[in-house]
């Protein structure tokens, strides 16, 4: 799956990427739809769930896109 060029920006929450390093997910499975280098983040598991996404290298993580799209499955 990919992100469409005509995406509706109102579906997203704007934030300051300089201060955003963790995103709660709390679901059984998760995968990133938006493109980010795999060595720039990690999905942290706790209690058999993906608890949150942690950005380990913000400069690399946001290099390809300024959107974060995560597909989740309960």
PDB file of N, CA and C in Angstrom:
ATOM      1  N   UNK A   1       0.833  -1.180   0.000  1.00  0.00           N
ATOM      2  CA  UNK A   1       0.000   0.000   0.000  1.00  0.00           C
ATOM      3  C   UNK A   1       0.876   1.241   0.000  1.00  0.00           C
ATOM      4  N   UNK A   2       0.371   2.285  -0.604  1.00  0.00           N
ATOM      5  CA  UNK A   2       1.108   3.548  -0.651  1.00  0.00           C
ATOM      6  C   UNK A   2       0.163   4.693  -0.306  1.00  0.00           C
ATOM      7  N   UNK A   3       0.733   5.855  -0.093  1.00  0.00           N
ATOM      8  CA  UNK A   3      -0.054   7.051   0.197  1.00  0.00           C
ATOM      9  C   UNK A   3      -0.348   7.762  -1.119  1.00  0.00           C
ATOM     10  N   UNK A   4      -1.594   8.104  -1.325  1.00  0.00           N
ATOM     11  CA  UNK A   4      -1.997   8.779  -2.554  1.00  0.00           C
ATOM     12  C   UNK A   4      -1.530  10.229  -2.557  1.00  0.00           C
ATOM     13  N   UNK A   5      -1.309  10.765  -3.727  1.00  0.00           N
ATOM     14  CA  UNK A   5      -0.891  12.160  -3.861  1.00  0.00           C
ATOM     15  C   UNK A   5      -1.990  13.144  -3.478  1.00  0.00           C
ATOM     16  N   UNK A   6      -3.247  12.745  -3.639  1.00  0.00           N
ATOM     17  CA  UNK A   6      -4.365  13.643  -3.347  1.00  0.00           C
ATOM     18  C   UNK A   6      -4.961  13.367  -1.960  1.00  0.00           C
ATOM     19  N   UNK A   7      -4.113  13.008  -1.028  1.00  0.00           N
ATOM     20  CA  UNK A   7      -4.557  12.658   0.321  1.00  0.00           C
ATOM     21  C   UNK A   7      -5.239  13.853   1.004  1.00  0.00           C
ATOM     22  N   UNK A   8      -6.269  13.557   1.774  1.00  0.00           N
ATOM     23  CA  UNK A   8      -7.004  14.597   2.495  1.00  0.00           C
ATOM     24  C   UNK A   8      -6.262  14.907   3.798  1.00  0.00           C
ATOM     25  N   UNK A   9      -5.615  16.049   3.857  1.00  0.00           N
ATOM     26  CA  UNK A   9      -4.797  16.404   5.020  1.00  0.00           C
ATOM     27  C   UNK A   9      -5.607  16.583   6.300  1.00  0.00           C
ATOM     28  N   UNK A  10      -6.903  16.744   6.193  1.00  0.00           N
ATOM     29  CA  UNK A  10      -7.728  16.911   7.391  1.00  0.00           C
ATOM     30  C   UNK A  10      -7.841  15.616   8.192  1.00  0.00           C
ATOM     31  N   UNK A  11      -7.438  14.480   7.607  1.00  0.00           N
ATOM     32  CA  UNK A  11      -7.451  13.203   8.319  1.00  0.00           C
ATOM     33  C   UNK A  11      -6.270  13.048   9.273  1.00  0.00           C
ATOM     34  N   UNK A  12      -5.325  13.971   9.221  1.00  0.00           N
ATOM     35  CA  UNK A  12      -4.102  13.868   9.991  1.00  0.00           C
ATOM     36  C   UNK A  12      -4.059  14.898  11.114  1.00  0.00           C
ATOM     37  N   UNK A  13      -3.238  14.613  12.107  1.00  0.00           N
ATOM     38  CA  UNK A  13      -2.997  15.545  13.202  1.00  0.00           C
ATOM     39  C   UNK A  13      -1.634  16.182  12.973  1.00  0.00           C
ATOM     40  N   UNK A  14      -1.585  17.508  12.964  1.00  0.00           N
ATOM     41  CA  UNK A  14      -0.330  18.199  12.766  1.00  0.00           C
ATOM     42  C   UNK A  14       0.450  18.222  14.080  1.00  0.00           C
ATOM     43  N   UNK A  15       1.763  18.023  13.990  1.00  0.00           N
ATOM     44  CA  UNK A  15       2.597  18.071  15.183  1.00  0.00           C
ATOM     45  C   UNK A  15       3.986  18.560  14.818  1.00  0.00           C
ATOM     46  N   UNK A  16       4.742  18.909  15.837  1.00  0.00           N
ATOM     47  CA  UNK A  16       6.118  19.358  15.653  1.00  0.00           C
ATOM     48  C   UNK A  16       7.005  18.119  15.653  1.00  0.00           C
ATOM     49  N   UNK A  17       7.539  17.752  14.500  1.00  0.00           N
ATOM     50  CA  UNK A  17       8.312  16.519  14.399  1.00  0.00           C
ATOM     51  C   UNK A  17       9.616  16.579  15.185  1.00  0.00           C
ATOM     52  N   UNK A  18      10.054  17.766  15.565  1.00  0.00           N
ATOM     53  CA  UNK A  18      11.277  17.889  16.375  1.00  0.00           C
ATOM     54  C   UNK A  18      11.057  17.366  17.792  1.00  0.00           C
ATOM     55  N   UNK A  19       9.791  17.332  18.234  1.00  0.00           N
ATOM     56  CA  UNK A  19       9.481  16.906  19.601  1.00  0.00           C
ATOM     57  C   UNK A  19       8.704  15.601  19.680  1.00  0.00           C
ATOM     58  N   UNK A  20       8.383  15.005  18.547  1.00  0.00           N
ATOM     59  CA  UNK A  20       7.584  13.774  18.541  1.00  0.00           C
ATOM     60  C   UNK A  20       8.504  12.574  18.343  1.00  0.00           C
ATOM     61  N   UNK A  21       8.661  11.773  19.390  1.00  0.00           N
ATOM     62  CA  UNK A  21       9.553  10.617  19.264  1.00  0.00           C
ATOM     63  C   UNK A  21       8.846   9.289  19.527  1.00  0.00           C
ATOM     64  N   UNK A  22       7.653   9.340  20.124  1.00  0.00           N
ATOM     65  CA  UNK A  22       6.899   8.111  20.377  1.00  0.00           C
ATOM     66  C   UNK A  22       5.430   8.315  20.016  1.00  0.00           C
ATOM     67  N   UNK A  23       4.864   7.248  19.444  1.00  0.00           N
ATOM     68  CA  UNK A  23       3.457   7.272  19.066  1.00  0.00           C
ATOM     69  C   UNK A  23       2.789   6.020  19.612  1.00  0.00           C
ATOM     70  N   UNK A  24       1.821   6.157  20.537  1.00  0.00           N
ATOM     71  CA  UNK A  24       1.136   4.983  21.084  1.00  0.00           C
ATOM     72  C   UNK A  24       0.344   4.263  19.996  1.00  0.00           C
ATOM     73  N   UNK A  25       0.387   2.936  20.035  1.00  0.00           N
ATOM     74  CA  UNK A  25      -0.340   2.134  19.053  1.00  0.00           C
ATOM     75  C   UNK A  25      -1.282   1.169  19.759  1.00  0.00           C
ATOM     76  N   UNK A  26      -0.784   0.395  20.711  1.00  0.00           N
ATOM     77  CA  UNK A  26      -1.585  -0.549  21.509  1.00  0.00           C
ATOM     78  C   UNK A  26      -2.516  -1.425  20.677  1.00  0.00           C
ATOM     79  N   UNK A  27      -1.929  -2.230  19.829  1.00  0.00           N
ATOM     80  CA  UNK A  27      -2.689  -3.152  18.996  1.00  0.00           C
ATOM     81  C   UNK A  27      -1.887  -4.436  18.794  1.00  0.00           C
ATOM     82  N   UNK A  28      -2.545  -5.468  18.333  1.00  0.00           N
ATOM     83  CA  UNK A  28      -1.882  -6.774  18.171  1.00  0.00           C
ATOM     84  C   UNK A  28      -0.808  -6.736  17.079  1.00  0.00           C
ATOM     85  N   UNK A  29      -1.121  -6.120  15.953  1.00  0.00           N
ATOM     86  CA  UNK A  29      -0.175  -6.016  14.842  1.00  0.00           C
ATOM     87  C   UNK A  29      -0.181  -4.598  14.292  1.00  0.00           C
ATOM     88  N   UNK A  30       0.983  -4.169  13.812  1.00  0.00           N
ATOM     89  CA  UNK A  30       1.089  -2.850  13.200  1.00  0.00           C
ATOM     90  C   UNK A  30       2.174  -2.878  12.141  1.00  0.00           C
ATOM     91  N   UNK A  31       1.960  -2.107  11.076  1.00  0.00           N
ATOM     92  CA  UNK A  31       3.008  -1.945  10.074  1.00  0.00           C
ATOM     93  C   UNK A  31       2.876  -0.545   9.487  1.00  0.00           C
ATOM     94  N   UNK A  32       4.001   0.013   9.121  1.00  0.00           N
ATOM     95  CA  UNK A  32       4.004   1.349   8.557  1.00  0.00           C
ATOM     96  C   UNK A  32       3.633   1.299   7.087  1.00  0.00           C
ATOM     97  N   UNK A  33       2.725   2.163   6.688  1.00  0.00           N
ATOM     98  CA  UNK A  33       2.338   2.300   5.286  1.00  0.00           C
ATOM     99  C   UNK A  33       3.208   3.378   4.640  1.00  0.00           C
ATOM    100  N   UNK A  34       3.430   4.459   5.361  1.00  0.00           N
ATOM    101  CA  UNK A  34       4.307   5.517   4.864  1.00  0.00           C
ATOM    102  C   UNK A  34       5.744   5.001   4.845  1.00  0.00           C
ATOM    103  N   UNK A  35       6.566   5.575   3.969  1.00  0.00           N
ATOM    104  CA  UNK A  35       7.938   5.101   3.798  1.00  0.00           C
ATOM    105  C   UNK A  35       8.893   5.784   4.760  1.00  0.00           C
ATOM    106  N   UNK A  36       9.565   4.971   5.558  1.00  0.00           N
ATOM    107  CA  UNK A  36      10.564   5.449   6.510  1.00  0.00           C
ATOM    108  C   UNK A  36      11.679   4.409   6.564  1.00  0.00           C
ATOM    109  N   UNK A  37      12.940   4.829   6.591  1.00  0.00           N
ATOM    110  CA  UNK A  37      14.038   3.863   6.681  1.00  0.00           C
ATOM    111  C   UNK A  37      13.869   2.963   7.906  1.00  0.00           C
ATOM    112  N   UNK A  38      14.011   1.669   7.716  1.00  0.00           N
ATOM    113  CA  UNK A  38      13.762   0.713   8.799  1.00  0.00           C
ATOM    114  C   UNK A  38      14.721   0.877   9.977  1.00  0.00           C
ATOM    115  N   UNK A  39      15.876   1.465   9.750  1.00  0.00           N
ATOM    116  CA  UNK A  39      16.820   1.668  10.850  1.00  0.00           C
ATOM    117  C   UNK A  39      16.586   2.968  11.614  1.00  0.00           C
ATOM    118  N   UNK A  40      15.520   3.689  11.292  1.00  0.00           N
ATOM    119  CA  UNK A  40      15.248   4.975  11.950  1.00  0.00           C
ATOM    120  C   UNK A  40      14.171   4.876  13.032  1.00  0.00           C
ATOM    121  N   UNK A  41      13.545   3.717  13.173  1.00  0.00           N
ATOM    122  CA  UNK A  41      12.463   3.553  14.150  1.00  0.00           C
ATOM    123  C   UNK A  41      12.390   2.110  14.610  1.00  0.00           C
ATOM    124  N   UNK A  42      11.579   1.883  15.638  1.00  0.00           N
ATOM    125  CA  UNK A  42      11.279   0.503  16.047  1.00  0.00           C
ATOM    126  C   UNK A  42       9.869   0.452  16.603  1.00  0.00           C
ATOM    127  N   UNK A  43       9.237  -0.686  16.416  1.00  0.00           N
ATOM    128  CA  UNK A  43       7.930  -0.945  16.998  1.00  0.00           C
ATOM    129  C   UNK A  43       8.181  -1.691  18.310  1.00  0.00           C
ATOM    130  N   UNK A  44       7.775  -1.109  19.415  1.00  0.00           N
ATOM    131  CA  UNK A  44       8.059  -1.660  20.733  1.00  0.00           C
ATOM    132  C   UNK A  44       6.885  -2.508  21.194  1.00  0.00           C
ATOM    133  N   UNK A  45       7.185  -3.763  21.537  1.00  0.00           N
ATOM    134  CA  UNK A  45       6.145  -4.691  21.983  1.00  0.00           C
ATOM    135  C   UNK A  45       6.154  -4.823  23.501  1.00  0.00           C
ATOM    136  N   UNK A  46       4.959  -4.847  24.060  1.00  0.00           N
ATOM    137  CA  UNK A  46       4.762  -5.066  25.491  1.00  0.00           C
ATOM    138  C   UNK A  46       3.482  -5.874  25.671  1.00  0.00           C
ATOM    139  N   UNK A  47       3.536  -6.917  26.483  1.00  0.00           N
ATOM    140  CA  UNK A  47       2.361  -7.754  26.763  1.00  0.00           C
ATOM    141  C   UNK A  47       1.701  -8.286  25.496  1.00  0.00           C
ATOM    142  N   UNK A  48       2.503  -8.820  24.585  1.00  0.00           N
ATOM    143  CA  UNK A  48       2.020  -9.413  23.329  1.00  0.00           C
ATOM    144  C   UNK A  48       1.278  -8.432  22.420  1.00  0.00           C
ATOM    145  N   UNK A  49       1.568  -7.158  22.557  1.00  0.00           N
ATOM    146  CA  UNK A  49       0.988  -6.142  21.680  1.00  0.00           C
ATOM    147  C   UNK A  49       2.081  -5.180  21.234  1.00  0.00           C
ATOM    148  N   UNK A  50       1.826  -4.494  20.116  1.00  0.00           N
ATOM    149  CA  UNK A  50       2.702  -3.407  19.709  1.00  0.00           C
ATOM    150  C   UNK A  50       2.250  -2.200  20.529  1.00  0.00           C
ATOM    151  N   UNK A  51       3.054  -1.834  21.505  1.00  0.00           N
ATOM    152  CA  UNK A  51       2.672  -0.765  22.429  1.00  0.00           C
ATOM    153  C   UNK A  51       2.825   0.620  21.797  1.00  0.00           C
ATOM    154  N   UNK A  52       3.966   0.833  21.132  1.00  0.00           N
ATOM    155  CA  UNK A  52       4.191   2.141  20.525  1.00  0.00           C
ATOM    156  C   UNK A  52       5.283   2.079  19.464  1.00  0.00           C
ATOM    157  N   UNK A  53       5.319   3.110  18.648  1.00  0.00           N
ATOM    158  CA  UNK A  53       6.379   3.293  17.678  1.00  0.00           C
ATOM    159  C   UNK A  53       7.344   4.306  18.265  1.00  0.00           C
ATOM    160  N   UNK A  54       8.625   3.976  18.246  1.00  0.00           N
ATOM    161  CA  UNK A  54       9.640   4.888  18.756  1.00  0.00           C
ATOM    162  C   UNK A  54      10.557   5.303  17.606  1.00  0.00           C
ATOM    163  N   UNK A  55      10.680   6.607  17.410  1.00  0.00           N
ATOM    164  CA  UNK A  55      11.578   7.126  16.383  1.00  0.00           C
ATOM    165  C   UNK A  55      12.966   7.246  17.008  1.00  0.00           C
ATOM    166  N   UNK A  56      13.914   6.514  16.448  1.00  0.00           N
ATOM    167  CA  UNK A  56      15.270   6.505  16.988  1.00  0.00           C
ATOM    168  C   UNK A  56      16.182   7.496  16.274  1.00  0.00           C
ATOM    169  N   UNK A  57      15.878   7.808  15.027  1.00  0.00           N
ATOM    170  CA  UNK A  57      16.680   8.753  14.259  1.00  0.00           C
ATOM    171  C   UNK A  57      15.720   9.674  13.497  1.00  0.00           C
ATOM    172  N   UNK A  58      15.287  10.770  14.128  1.00  0.00           N
ATOM    173  CA  UNK A  58      14.273  11.637  13.514  1.00  0.00           C
ATOM    174  C   UNK A  58      14.665  12.190  12.143  1.00  0.00           C
ATOM    175  N   UNK A  59      15.909  12.585  11.977  1.00  0.00           N
ATOM    176  CA  UNK A  59      16.341  13.149  10.691  1.00  0.00           C
ATOM    177  C   UNK A  59      16.133  12.139   9.567  1.00  0.00           C
ATOM    178  N   UNK A  60      16.508  10.892   9.793  1.00  0.00           N
ATOM    179  CA  UNK A  60      16.309   9.845   8.798  1.00  0.00           C
ATOM    180  C   UNK A  60      14.839   9.465   8.653  1.00  0.00           C
ATOM    181  N   UNK A  61      14.139   9.359   9.784  1.00  0.00           N
ATOM    182  CA  UNK A  61      12.737   8.933   9.772  1.00  0.00           C
ATOM    183  C   UNK A  61      11.882   9.839   8.896  1.00  0.00           C
ATOM    184  N   UNK A  62      12.064  11.151   9.028  1.00  0.00           N
ATOM    185  CA  UNK A  62      11.227  12.117   8.306  1.00  0.00           C
ATOM    186  C   UNK A  62      11.824  12.543   6.963  1.00  0.00           C
ATOM    187  N   UNK A  63      12.891  11.917   6.528  1.00  0.00           N
ATOM    188  CA  UNK A  63      13.573  12.325   5.298  1.00  0.00           C
ATOM    189  C   UNK A  63      12.724  12.095   4.042  1.00  0.00           C
ATOM    190  N   UNK A  64      11.999  10.988   3.977  1.00  0.00           N
ATOM    191  CA  UNK A  64      11.260  10.632   2.767  1.00  0.00           C
ATOM    192  C   UNK A  64       9.851  11.210   2.710  1.00  0.00           C
ATOM    193  N   UNK A  65       9.230  11.407   3.865  1.00  0.00           N
ATOM    194  CA  UNK A  65       7.860  11.920   3.922  1.00  0.00           C
ATOM    195  C   UNK A  65       7.617  12.590   5.256  1.00  0.00           C
ATOM    196  N   UNK A  66       6.715  13.538   5.278  1.00  0.00           N
ATOM    197  CA  UNK A  66       6.339  14.216   6.516  1.00  0.00           C
ATOM    198  C   UNK A  66       5.041  13.655   7.081  1.00  0.00           C
ATOM    199  N   UNK A  67       4.582  12.531   6.537  1.00  0.00           N
ATOM    200  CA  UNK A  67       3.386  11.860   7.017  1.00  0.00           C
ATOM    201  C   UNK A  67       3.775  10.540   7.664  1.00  0.00           C
ATOM    202  N   UNK A  68       3.054  10.179   8.716  1.00  0.00           N
ATOM    203  CA  UNK A  68       3.199   8.866   9.330  1.00  0.00           C
ATOM    204  C   UNK A  68       1.856   8.176   9.239  1.00  0.00           C
ATOM    205  N   UNK A  69       1.830   7.041   8.530  1.00  0.00           N
ATOM    206  CA  UNK A  69       0.602   6.263   8.375  1.00  0.00           C
ATOM    207  C   UNK A  69       0.905   4.839   8.859  1.00  0.00           C
ATOM    208  N   UNK A  70       0.126   4.381   9.845  1.00  0.00           N
ATOM    209  CA  UNK A  70       0.326   3.056  10.418  1.00  0.00           C
ATOM    210  C   UNK A  70      -0.948   2.238  10.235  1.00  0.00           C
ATOM    211  N   UNK A  71      -0.805   1.033   9.713  1.00  0.00           N
ATOM    212  CA  UNK A  71      -1.929   0.099   9.608  1.00  0.00           C
ATOM    213  C   UNK A  71      -1.910  -0.766  10.858  1.00  0.00           C
ATOM    214  N   UNK A  72      -3.066  -0.873  11.519  1.00  0.00           N
ATOM    215  CA  UNK A  72      -3.142  -1.658  12.747  1.00  0.00           C
ATOM    216  C   UNK A  72      -4.185  -2.762  12.603  1.00  0.00           C
ATOM    217  N   UNK A  73      -3.971  -3.852  13.372  1.00  0.00           N
ATOM    218  CA  UNK A  73      -4.919  -4.962  13.412  1.00  0.00           C
ATOM    219  C   UNK A  73      -5.055  -5.393  14.867  1.00  0.00           C
ATOM    220  N   UNK A  74      -6.304  -5.513  15.310  1.00  0.00           N
ATOM    221  CA  UNK A  74      -6.530  -5.909  16.705  1.00  0.00           C
ATOM    222  C   UNK A  74      -6.521  -7.375  16.892  1.00  0.00           C
TER     223      UNK A  74
END
